[in-house]
Protein backbone atom coordinates (compact mmCIF):
# COMPACT_ATOMS: atom_id res chain seq x y z
CA MET A 1 42.03 4.76 -10.09
CA SER A 2 38.83 2.87 -9.91
CA LEU A 3 35.73 4.68 -9.23
CA VAL A 4 32.81 3.29 -7.06
CA LEU A 5 29.55 3.53 -7.90
CA GLU A 6 28.23 4.56 -4.46
CA GLN A 7 30.97 7.63 -4.05
CA VAL A 8 30.18 8.68 -7.62
CA ILE A 9 26.88 9.04 -7.02
CA ALA A 10 26.99 10.34 -3.30
CA GLN A 11 29.71 12.83 -4.63
CA SER A 12 27.27 14.25 -7.43
CA ASN A 13 24.92 16.18 -5.46
CA ILE A 14 22.11 14.49 -7.32
CA ALA A 15 19.19 13.06 -4.84
CA PHE A 16 16.15 10.85 -5.47
CA GLY A 17 13.04 13.01 -5.28
CA THR A 18 8.80 12.50 -5.60
CA SER A 19 9.87 10.88 -8.95
CA GLY A 20 13.16 10.24 -10.11
CA ALA A 21 17.05 11.83 -9.59
CA ARG A 22 16.74 15.36 -9.91
CA GLY A 23 20.04 17.79 -9.97
CA LEU A 24 21.40 20.57 -11.94
CA VAL A 25 22.66 20.18 -15.33
CA ALA A 26 26.17 20.62 -14.31
CA ASP A 27 26.05 17.87 -12.05
CA PHE A 28 25.01 15.28 -14.81
CA THR A 29 28.32 14.59 -15.93
CA ASP A 30 28.79 11.80 -18.38
CA GLN A 31 30.53 10.09 -14.92
CA ALA A 32 27.56 10.42 -12.91
CA CYS A 33 24.86 9.49 -15.51
CA ALA A 34 27.06 6.50 -15.89
CA ALA A 35 27.13 5.55 -12.27
CA PHE A 36 23.47 5.97 -12.04
CA ALA A 37 22.52 3.69 -14.69
CA GLN A 38 25.12 1.04 -13.95
CA SER A 39 23.73 1.08 -10.49
CA PHE A 40 19.95 0.59 -11.41
CA VAL A 41 20.61 -2.22 -13.95
CA SER A 42 23.21 -4.05 -11.24
CA VAL A 43 19.83 -3.66 -8.73
CA MET A 44 17.32 -5.12 -11.47
CA GLN A 45 19.60 -7.93 -12.04
CA ARG A 46 18.91 -9.12 -8.58
CA SER A 47 14.78 -9.65 -9.59
CA PHE A 48 14.88 -9.73 -13.50
CA SER A 49 16.53 -11.53 -16.16
CA PHE A 50 16.83 -9.29 -19.56
CA GLU A 51 18.94 -8.72 -22.13
CA ARG A 52 18.08 -4.90 -23.68
CA ILE A 53 17.03 -1.56 -21.58
CA ALA A 54 14.90 1.14 -23.07
CA ILE A 55 15.89 4.80 -22.86
CA GLY A 56 13.94 7.76 -23.49
CA ILE A 57 14.21 11.47 -23.12
CA ASP A 58 12.75 14.93 -23.49
CA ASN A 59 13.12 18.10 -25.45
CA ARG A 60 15.78 19.55 -22.88
CA PRO A 61 18.82 20.55 -24.50
CA SER A 62 20.89 18.35 -22.04
CA SER A 63 18.63 15.73 -22.22
CA PRO A 64 20.48 14.24 -25.57
CA GLN A 65 23.93 13.88 -24.10
CA MET A 66 22.78 12.19 -20.66
CA ALA A 67 21.20 9.95 -22.66
CA ALA A 68 24.04 9.01 -24.62
CA ALA A 69 26.18 8.55 -21.24
CA CYS A 70 23.53 6.13 -20.02
CA ALA A 71 23.43 4.00 -23.44
CA GLY A 72 27.59 4.20 -23.43
CA ILE A 73 27.55 2.25 -20.23
CA LEU A 74 24.63 -0.36 -20.47
CA GLU A 75 26.67 -1.43 -23.90
CA SER A 76 29.72 -1.75 -21.91
CA MET A 77 27.62 -4.13 -19.73
CA GLY A 78 26.87 -6.17 -22.30
CA TYR A 79 23.22 -4.93 -23.20
CA SER A 80 21.42 -4.07 -26.35
CA VAL A 81 19.85 -0.05 -26.11
CA ASP A 82 16.55 0.99 -27.59
CA TYR A 83 16.74 4.17 -28.07
CA TYR A 84 13.14 5.76 -28.65
CA GLY A 85 14.09 9.37 -28.55
CA VAL A 86 11.79 11.95 -27.57
CA LEU A 87 8.65 10.84 -26.26
CA PRO A 88 6.57 11.07 -23.41
CA THR A 89 7.33 9.47 -20.18
CA PRO A 90 4.36 7.22 -20.03
CA ALA A 91 5.08 6.10 -23.44
CA LEU A 92 8.57 4.71 -22.53
CA ALA A 93 7.18 3.12 -19.42
CA TYR A 94 4.65 1.39 -21.13
CA GLN A 95 6.56 -0.28 -23.91
CA ALA A 96 9.36 -1.43 -21.38
CA MET A 97 6.51 -3.06 -19.28
CA GLN A 98 5.04 -4.69 -22.64
CA ASP A 99 8.52 -6.24 -23.44
CA LYS A 100 9.40 -6.74 -19.67
CA VAL A 101 12.60 -4.80 -19.55
CA PRO A 102 14.17 -2.17 -17.35
CA ALA A 103 13.84 1.81 -18.71
CA ILE A 104 15.56 4.95 -18.57
CA MET A 105 13.67 8.11 -18.68
CA VAL A 106 15.76 11.29 -19.12
CA THR A 107 13.87 14.00 -17.73
CA GLY A 108 13.77 16.99 -15.71
CA SER A 109 9.66 17.42 -15.97
CA HIS A 110 8.86 20.52 -14.84
CA ILE A 111 11.37 21.62 -12.63
CA PRO A 112 13.64 24.71 -13.79
CA PHE A 113 15.68 25.00 -16.94
CA ASP A 114 19.03 24.38 -15.19
CA ARG A 115 18.23 20.88 -14.01
CA ASN A 116 17.48 17.78 -15.18
CA GLY A 117 16.49 14.06 -14.17
CA LEU A 118 16.75 10.49 -14.37
CA LYS A 119 13.16 8.36 -14.19
CA PHE A 120 13.93 4.17 -13.67
CA TYR A 121 11.74 1.77 -14.75
CA ARG A 122 11.62 -1.89 -13.34
CA PRO A 123 10.21 -4.47 -16.12
CA ASP A 124 7.00 -4.29 -13.83
CA GLY A 125 6.61 -0.71 -13.59
CA GLU A 126 8.30 2.15 -11.60
CA ILE A 127 11.03 1.24 -8.94
CA SER A 128 10.07 1.62 -5.39
CA LYS A 129 12.01 3.45 -2.49
CA GLU A 130 13.56 0.42 -1.59
CA ASP A 131 14.84 0.48 -5.22
CA GLU A 132 16.14 3.57 -4.75
CA HIS A 133 17.88 3.12 -1.97
CA ALA A 134 19.62 0.17 -3.44
CA ILE A 135 20.74 2.25 -6.84
CA LEU A 136 22.32 4.58 -3.91
CA THR A 137 24.41 1.81 -2.35
CA VAL A 138 25.88 -0.64 -5.05
CA SER A 139 29.23 -0.96 -4.19
CA ASP A 140 30.52 -2.02 -7.92
CA GLU A 141 33.79 -0.31 -10.19
CA LEU A 142 32.28 1.96 -12.65
CA MET A 143 33.27 0.22 -15.74
CA SER A 144 34.74 2.13 -18.42
CA PHE A 145 32.26 3.34 -21.62
CA VAL A 146 32.21 5.44 -24.42
CA SER A 147 28.68 7.95 -24.66
CA ALA A 148 27.02 7.42 -27.90
CA LEU A 149 23.06 6.48 -28.85
CA PRO A 150 21.70 4.37 -30.87
CA ALA A 151 19.35 4.67 -34.14
CA THR A 152 16.02 6.48 -32.56
CA SER A 153 13.14 3.65 -32.68
CA SER A 154 9.17 5.16 -33.21
CA VAL A 155 7.97 2.11 -31.86
CA ALA A 156 7.22 2.94 -28.35
CA SER A 157 5.66 6.50 -29.63
CA ASP A 158 3.63 4.06 -32.25
CA ASN A 159 2.12 1.74 -29.30
CA TYR A 160 1.24 4.48 -27.05
CA ILE A 161 -0.81 5.80 -29.79
CA LYS A 162 -2.58 2.78 -30.61
CA ARG A 163 -2.99 2.40 -27.00
CA TYR A 164 -5.35 4.76 -27.12
CA LEU A 165 -6.95 4.52 -30.84
CA ASP A 166 -7.71 1.02 -29.76
CA ILE A 167 -10.16 1.79 -27.12
CA TYR A 168 -11.95 5.08 -27.78
CA PRO A 169 -14.27 5.32 -31.07
CA HIS A 170 -12.11 6.71 -34.47
CA GLN A 171 -14.61 9.73 -34.94
CA MET A 172 -15.40 10.09 -30.89
CA LEU A 173 -14.45 13.84 -31.03
CA ALA A 174 -15.96 14.52 -34.16
CA GLY A 175 -16.94 18.12 -34.41
CA LYS A 176 -14.79 18.76 -31.54
CA ARG A 177 -12.39 21.54 -31.78
CA ILE A 178 -9.13 20.89 -29.46
CA GLY A 179 -6.21 23.01 -28.88
CA ILE A 180 -3.17 21.70 -28.20
CA TYR A 181 -0.63 24.13 -26.33
CA GLU A 182 2.43 22.34 -27.32
CA HIS A 183 5.33 24.45 -26.05
CA SER A 184 8.29 22.16 -25.36
CA SER A 185 6.04 18.95 -24.54
CA ALA A 186 7.88 15.84 -25.26
CA GLY A 187 4.59 14.16 -26.53
CA ARG A 188 3.21 17.54 -28.65
CA ASP A 189 3.53 15.71 -31.72
CA LEU A 190 1.96 12.47 -30.67
CA TYR A 191 -0.87 14.77 -29.09
CA HIS A 192 -1.70 16.37 -32.55
CA THR A 193 -2.02 12.34 -34.24
CA VAL A 194 -4.13 10.90 -31.58
CA PHE A 195 -6.62 13.70 -31.29
CA THR A 196 -6.82 13.96 -35.15
CA LYS A 197 -7.58 10.36 -35.62
CA LEU A 198 -10.43 10.41 -33.48
CA GLY A 199 -12.30 13.31 -35.27
CA ALA A 200 -11.27 16.43 -33.83
CA GLU A 201 -10.26 19.65 -35.54
CA VAL A 202 -7.00 20.40 -33.99
CA THR A 203 -4.96 23.67 -33.62
CA SER A 204 -1.39 23.57 -32.72
CA LEU A 205 -0.62 26.55 -29.84
CA GLU A 206 2.82 28.23 -28.77
CA ARG A 207 4.89 25.75 -30.20
CA THR A 208 8.87 26.54 -29.01
CA ASN A 209 11.71 25.12 -29.08
CA THR A 210 12.91 26.87 -25.95
CA PHE A 211 12.37 24.54 -22.99
CA VAL A 212 8.92 25.66 -20.95
CA PRO A 213 8.70 24.24 -17.17
CA ILE A 214 5.12 23.89 -17.26
CA ASP A 215 4.40 23.00 -13.90
CA THR A 216 0.63 21.69 -13.85
CA GLU A 217 -0.01 22.31 -9.86
CA ALA A 218 1.14 26.04 -9.94
CA VAL A 219 0.20 27.19 -13.44
CA THR A 220 1.18 30.64 -14.15
CA ASP A 221 -0.89 34.06 -14.34
CA ALA A 222 0.55 34.26 -18.53
CA ASP A 223 -0.78 30.92 -18.93
CA GLN A 224 -3.96 31.57 -17.02
CA GLN A 225 -4.72 34.09 -19.63
CA LYS A 226 -3.33 32.36 -22.16
CA GLY A 227 -6.05 29.61 -21.82
CA LEU A 228 -8.64 32.46 -21.64
CA ASP A 229 -7.48 34.00 -25.01
CA TRP A 230 -7.11 31.15 -26.96
CA SER A 231 -10.92 29.76 -26.20
CA ASN A 232 -12.32 33.44 -26.58
CA GLN A 233 -10.18 33.49 -30.25
CA TYR A 234 -10.60 29.89 -31.11
CA GLY A 235 -13.92 28.82 -29.75
CA PHE A 236 -12.58 25.44 -28.30
CA ASP A 237 -14.33 22.81 -26.86
CA ALA A 238 -10.92 21.79 -24.90
CA ILE A 239 -7.45 22.70 -24.85
CA PHE A 240 -5.14 19.98 -23.77
CA SER A 241 -1.49 19.99 -22.63
CA THR A 242 1.03 18.57 -20.41
CA ASP A 243 4.21 19.22 -18.67
CA GLY A 244 7.63 18.20 -20.16
CA ASP A 245 7.73 14.89 -20.39
CA GLY A 246 4.25 14.23 -20.73
CA ASP A 247 2.94 12.68 -17.34
CA ARG A 248 0.92 15.33 -15.81
CA PRO A 249 -1.99 17.00 -17.96
CA LEU A 250 -3.02 20.30 -18.28
CA ILE A 251 -6.66 20.88 -19.45
CA ALA A 252 -8.91 23.33 -20.17
CA ASP A 253 -12.62 23.59 -20.56
CA GLU A 254 -14.80 25.18 -23.30
CA ARG A 255 -14.17 28.61 -21.64
CA GLY A 256 -10.55 28.53 -21.22
CA GLN A 257 -10.24 27.66 -17.36
CA TRP A 258 -7.35 25.19 -16.24
CA LEU A 259 -9.00 22.60 -14.49
CA ARG A 260 -7.12 21.16 -11.48
CA GLY A 261 -5.03 18.04 -11.56
CA ASP A 262 -6.91 16.03 -9.23
CA ILE A 263 -10.25 17.45 -10.24
CA VAL A 264 -9.19 16.03 -13.37
CA GLY A 265 -8.02 12.53 -11.92
CA LEU A 266 -11.54 12.20 -10.23
CA LEU A 267 -13.19 13.13 -13.60
CA CYS A 268 -11.11 10.46 -15.53
CA ALA A 269 -11.70 7.71 -12.58
CA LYS A 270 -15.19 8.25 -12.59
CA ALA A 271 -15.30 7.96 -16.73
CA LEU A 272 -13.37 4.54 -16.28
CA GLY A 273 -15.43 3.13 -13.53
CA ILE A 274 -12.74 3.33 -11.12
CA GLN A 275 -13.77 1.58 -7.58
CA SER A 276 -10.98 1.79 -5.46
CA LEU A 277 -8.30 4.79 -5.47
CA ALA A 278 -5.29 5.66 -3.56
CA VAL A 279 -4.06 9.41 -3.97
CA PRO A 280 -1.73 11.91 -1.70
CA VAL A 281 -2.84 13.70 1.04
CA SER A 282 -2.62 16.91 -1.11
CA CYS A 283 -5.55 15.99 -3.15
CA ASN A 284 -8.69 17.53 -3.11
CA THR A 285 -11.42 16.42 -0.54
CA ALA A 286 -14.29 16.49 -3.33
CA ILE A 287 -12.77 12.69 -3.70
CA GLU A 288 -14.26 11.47 -0.58
CA GLN A 289 -17.56 13.80 -0.69
CA SER A 290 -18.14 12.66 -4.24
CA GLY A 291 -19.29 9.42 -3.09
CA ILE A 292 -18.52 7.89 -6.40
CA PHE A 293 -15.83 5.54 -4.93
CA SER A 294 -15.74 2.73 -2.77
CA THR A 295 -12.64 3.01 -1.40
CA VAL A 296 -10.01 6.27 -0.82
CA VAL A 297 -6.54 5.56 0.60
CA ARG A 298 -4.38 8.90 1.25
CA THR A 299 -0.52 8.46 0.96
CA LYS A 300 2.31 10.50 1.30
CA ILE A 301 3.01 12.59 -2.10
CA GLY A 302 4.72 11.06 -4.65
CA SER A 303 3.76 8.18 -7.48
CA PRO A 304 5.72 5.47 -5.65
CA TYR A 305 3.56 5.88 -2.42
CA VAL A 306 0.70 5.58 -4.41
CA ILE A 307 1.82 2.69 -6.52
CA ALA A 308 2.54 1.00 -3.36
CA ALA A 309 -0.92 1.39 -1.86
CA PHE A 310 -2.33 -0.44 -4.64
CA ALA A 311 -1.33 -3.59 -3.41
CA ASP A 312 -4.19 -3.07 -0.85
CA LEU A 313 -7.02 -2.13 -2.67
CA SER A 314 -9.69 -4.15 -4.72
CA GLY A 315 -11.59 -4.29 -7.86
CA SER A 316 -10.73 -1.76 -10.35
CA VAL A 317 -7.88 0.37 -8.79
CA ALA A 318 -6.10 3.50 -9.85
CA GLY A 319 -4.68 6.44 -8.31
CA PHE A 320 -3.77 10.26 -9.31
CA GLU A 321 -2.07 13.10 -7.85
CA ALA A 322 -2.48 16.72 -7.67
CA ASN A 323 -0.64 17.88 -10.51
CA GLY A 324 -3.07 15.43 -12.45
CA GLY A 325 -1.09 12.17 -13.47
CA PHE A 326 -3.40 9.40 -13.57
CA LEU A 327 -2.01 6.17 -12.64
CA LEU A 328 -4.13 2.87 -13.94
CA GLY A 329 -3.38 -0.06 -11.17
CA SER A 330 -5.49 -2.77 -12.92
CA ASP A 331 -6.90 -3.71 -16.41
CA VAL A 332 -10.08 -1.80 -17.11
CA THR A 333 -12.92 -1.86 -19.93
CA VAL A 334 -13.55 0.63 -22.03
CA SER A 335 -15.80 0.69 -25.03
CA ALA A 336 -15.57 -2.50 -24.57
CA GLN A 337 -11.93 -3.24 -24.84
CA VAL A 338 -9.20 -3.97 -22.38
CA LEU A 339 -7.03 -1.06 -21.36
CA LYS A 340 -4.15 -2.57 -19.74
CA ALA A 341 -3.05 -1.28 -16.72
CA LEU A 342 -0.22 1.54 -16.69
CA PRO A 343 0.90 2.24 -12.75
CA THR A 344 2.65 5.23 -13.79
CA ARG A 345 1.77 9.08 -14.29
CA ASP A 346 -0.32 9.37 -17.59
CA ALA A 347 -1.47 12.65 -18.83
CA LEU A 348 -2.97 11.44 -22.55
CA LEU A 349 -5.62 8.97 -21.17
CA PRO A 350 -7.09 11.72 -18.32
CA GLY A 351 -7.45 13.97 -21.60
CA LEU A 352 -9.38 11.39 -23.52
CA ALA A 353 -11.36 10.07 -20.78
CA LEU A 354 -12.81 13.52 -19.75
CA LEU A 355 -13.55 14.25 -23.41
CA ALA A 356 -15.51 11.09 -23.64
CA LEU A 357 -17.31 11.44 -20.25
CA ALA A 358 -18.46 14.66 -21.28
CA GLY A 359 -19.94 13.66 -24.69
CA GLU A 360 -21.97 16.30 -26.29
CA GLN A 361 -22.11 18.33 -23.03
CA PRO A 362 -19.24 21.10 -22.33
CA LEU A 363 -16.48 19.93 -19.73
CA SER A 364 -17.69 23.05 -17.19
CA ASN A 365 -20.62 20.76 -16.75
CA LEU A 366 -18.60 18.06 -15.50
CA THR A 367 -17.22 19.69 -12.82
CA ALA A 368 -20.32 21.55 -11.71
CA LYS A 369 -21.66 18.17 -10.70
CA LEU A 370 -18.93 17.71 -8.20
CA PRO A 371 -18.92 19.01 -4.40
CA GLN A 372 -17.66 22.42 -4.59
CA ARG A 373 -14.51 22.29 -3.12
CA TYR A 374 -11.33 24.90 -4.85
CA THR A 375 -7.72 23.96 -4.37
CA ALA A 376 -5.41 26.72 -5.20
CA SER A 377 -1.55 26.26 -5.04
CA ASP A 378 1.56 28.06 -5.95
CA ARG A 379 4.86 27.50 -4.66
CA LEU A 380 8.16 29.61 -3.58
CA GLN A 381 11.34 28.84 -5.89
CA GLN A 382 14.80 28.90 -4.93
CA VAL A 383 14.11 27.95 -1.33
CA PRO A 384 16.71 25.99 0.56
CA THR A 385 15.17 22.08 0.80
CA LEU A 386 16.51 22.14 4.48
CA TRP A 387 14.94 25.25 5.28
CA SER A 388 11.65 24.23 4.19
CA GLN A 389 11.91 21.33 6.36
CA ASN A 390 13.18 22.74 9.63
CA PHE A 391 10.46 25.72 8.89
CA ILE A 392 7.75 23.07 8.94
CA ALA A 393 9.39 20.63 11.34
CA LYS A 394 9.24 23.75 13.82
CA ALA A 395 5.76 24.39 12.72
CA GLY A 396 4.26 20.91 13.62
CA LEU A 397 5.68 21.23 17.02
CA SER A 398 2.99 24.10 17.89
CA PRO A 399 0.67 24.76 15.17
CA VAL A 400 -1.31 27.30 17.00
CA GLU A 401 1.67 29.53 17.25
CA PHE A 402 2.45 28.92 13.72
CA LEU A 403 -1.01 30.21 12.33
CA VAL A 404 -0.26 33.51 14.91
CA LEU A 405 3.08 33.87 12.63
CA LEU A 406 1.14 33.13 9.47
CA GLY A 407 -1.24 36.08 10.20
CA GLN A 408 -4.01 33.68 10.93
CA ARG A 409 -4.77 33.66 14.67
CA SER A 410 -8.55 33.91 14.18
CA ARG A 411 -8.59 30.41 12.70
CA GLN A 412 -9.56 27.74 14.58
CA ILE A 413 -7.47 24.22 13.96
CA ARG A 414 -9.93 20.85 13.64
CA SER A 415 -7.08 18.55 12.66
CA VAL A 416 -3.68 18.50 11.62
CA ASP A 417 -2.07 15.67 9.27
CA GLN A 418 1.76 15.31 9.18
CA THR A 419 1.73 12.92 6.59
CA ASP A 420 4.11 15.03 4.18
CA GLY A 421 4.62 18.16 5.59
CA LEU A 422 1.93 20.16 7.59
CA ARG A 423 -1.70 19.82 6.45
CA MET A 424 -3.93 21.71 8.55
CA GLN A 425 -8.11 21.49 8.40
CA PHE A 426 -9.92 24.38 10.07
CA VAL A 427 -13.37 24.59 11.76
CA ASP A 428 -14.50 26.52 8.83
CA GLY A 429 -13.66 23.76 6.41
CA ASP A 430 -10.71 25.50 4.67
CA ILE A 431 -7.25 23.07 4.55
CA VAL A 432 -3.85 25.05 4.80
CA HIS A 433 -0.90 22.59 3.58
CA LEU A 434 2.56 23.41 3.45
CA ARG A 435 5.56 21.12 2.23
CA PRO A 436 9.17 21.16 0.61
CA SER A 437 9.05 19.90 -3.15
CA GLY A 438 10.60 16.63 -3.54
CA ASN A 439 11.67 17.75 -6.80
CA ALA A 440 13.24 21.28 -6.56
CA PRO A 441 14.69 23.85 -3.93
CA GLU A 442 10.84 25.13 -3.59
CA LEU A 443 8.08 25.55 -1.09
CA ARG A 444 4.52 24.30 -1.85
CA CYS A 445 1.37 25.71 -0.44
CA TYR A 446 -1.75 23.79 -1.28
CA VAL A 447 -5.23 25.68 -0.03
CA GLU A 448 -8.71 24.26 -0.01
CA SER A 449 -11.98 26.26 0.34
CA ALA A 450 -15.47 26.08 -0.67
CA GLU A 451 -14.77 29.60 -2.57
CA GLU A 452 -12.03 29.67 -5.48
CA ALA A 453 -11.23 33.20 -4.86
CA GLU A 454 -10.84 32.75 -1.16
CA ALA A 455 -8.49 29.59 -2.13
CA GLN A 456 -6.46 31.76 -4.55
CA GLN A 457 -6.32 34.70 -1.95
CA LEU A 458 -5.13 32.67 0.94
CA VAL A 459 -2.00 31.09 -0.96
CA GLN A 460 -0.77 34.13 -1.81
CA VAL A 461 -1.42 35.44 1.76
CA ILE A 462 0.34 32.35 3.08
CA LEU A 463 3.35 32.68 0.69
CA SER A 464 3.78 36.38 0.80
CA THR A 465 4.29 36.09 4.79
CA VAL A 466 6.68 32.77 4.49
CA LYS A 467 8.61 34.72 1.83
CA GLY A 468 8.92 37.66 4.56
CA LEU A 469 10.27 35.22 7.16
CA LEU A 470 12.58 33.71 4.43
CA ASN A 471 14.02 37.39 3.73
């Protein structure tokens, strides 16, 4: 009996979130992976001509088998597969854009260990929301295939390294002591090479063969303490890390304090001389208050929305998210060299740009010169997405009553933004933003305040109250 792609995908329990298709590992059967891959390529055939397709993976144990299913179906369709093995997502995306071919990255990014995902790239960059819809509705029959991986090529990793070594002076980091929190990051070996070739003394930290789901928007207390301890022990100038697939940076200053992702993005954009920015509504308002950028556009959360906003921006263009992933929307000149656009989340560029901007001064000096607005964020895990959506929809109908429910009756609302979830700004300047995660069954909370301790405390108060309502 023949299987229709649309039906296989619909029955898989796998759905598109803010970045790619995500689901339980158990749901990513060979058949489901093949159906997504065949549908993706069928959609790409409508607009592009190509003979090859690129595939890469992260370090999750389930990723090689998923990639083998994707490669198997693509070869059945008559395409050659360029398999780049374990590498950062932006490295795969960059290579595919240079070769003008589609790409599939097998990664669950930062989401829990029992899940995984597929990210899709057109020959000209990330797929759009329209592409996602098209992939879900292809009515062709699933072709027969045999799961198999081709030999691994290092070309994409090598070119990603060259991308940055070509624009930054080779001794830019001479005298700097850099820690790399490797965990299970897909780019851990590559980062060591880049920082070393730029002259830094590099120390590898906590490499593991067990997958670690680092979430750069909700750094655990344990990881917070690790940053402080490593800084005290080694005297680092900075600590660099990423999430699982290397598209979201995690950067600590010389004190071992992890920097917020949107502050990293702001500083990276400043270092690159960016004029026009697109950022999600959840990002820190220090972006506008800094006065650095001529234009700042706010979007829904998710890289496809940020990228879509680039079309209406002029001059040098970029975007970033609260998780720190930096999207370079236009070519820029760095050290008299042209750095080509890479409109997908990248973690390595922000790390290098911040160190270049700091020069001989400590990283903490960069943040001290910005408007002092602090964002804290955390999430409740294992919260059904439908429950979160209904909860926030009801809150949006009566925000004042919602504040009472959260134990915040004394606060006065200045404005309410429902671009993505519920974002309330108060008369005292504080901001509370609640939204369901687009990638996992989680409810996320962002709080912005003029005081760091107040932001952190309010996040915990809000989530604790919501958890009580959930139970």
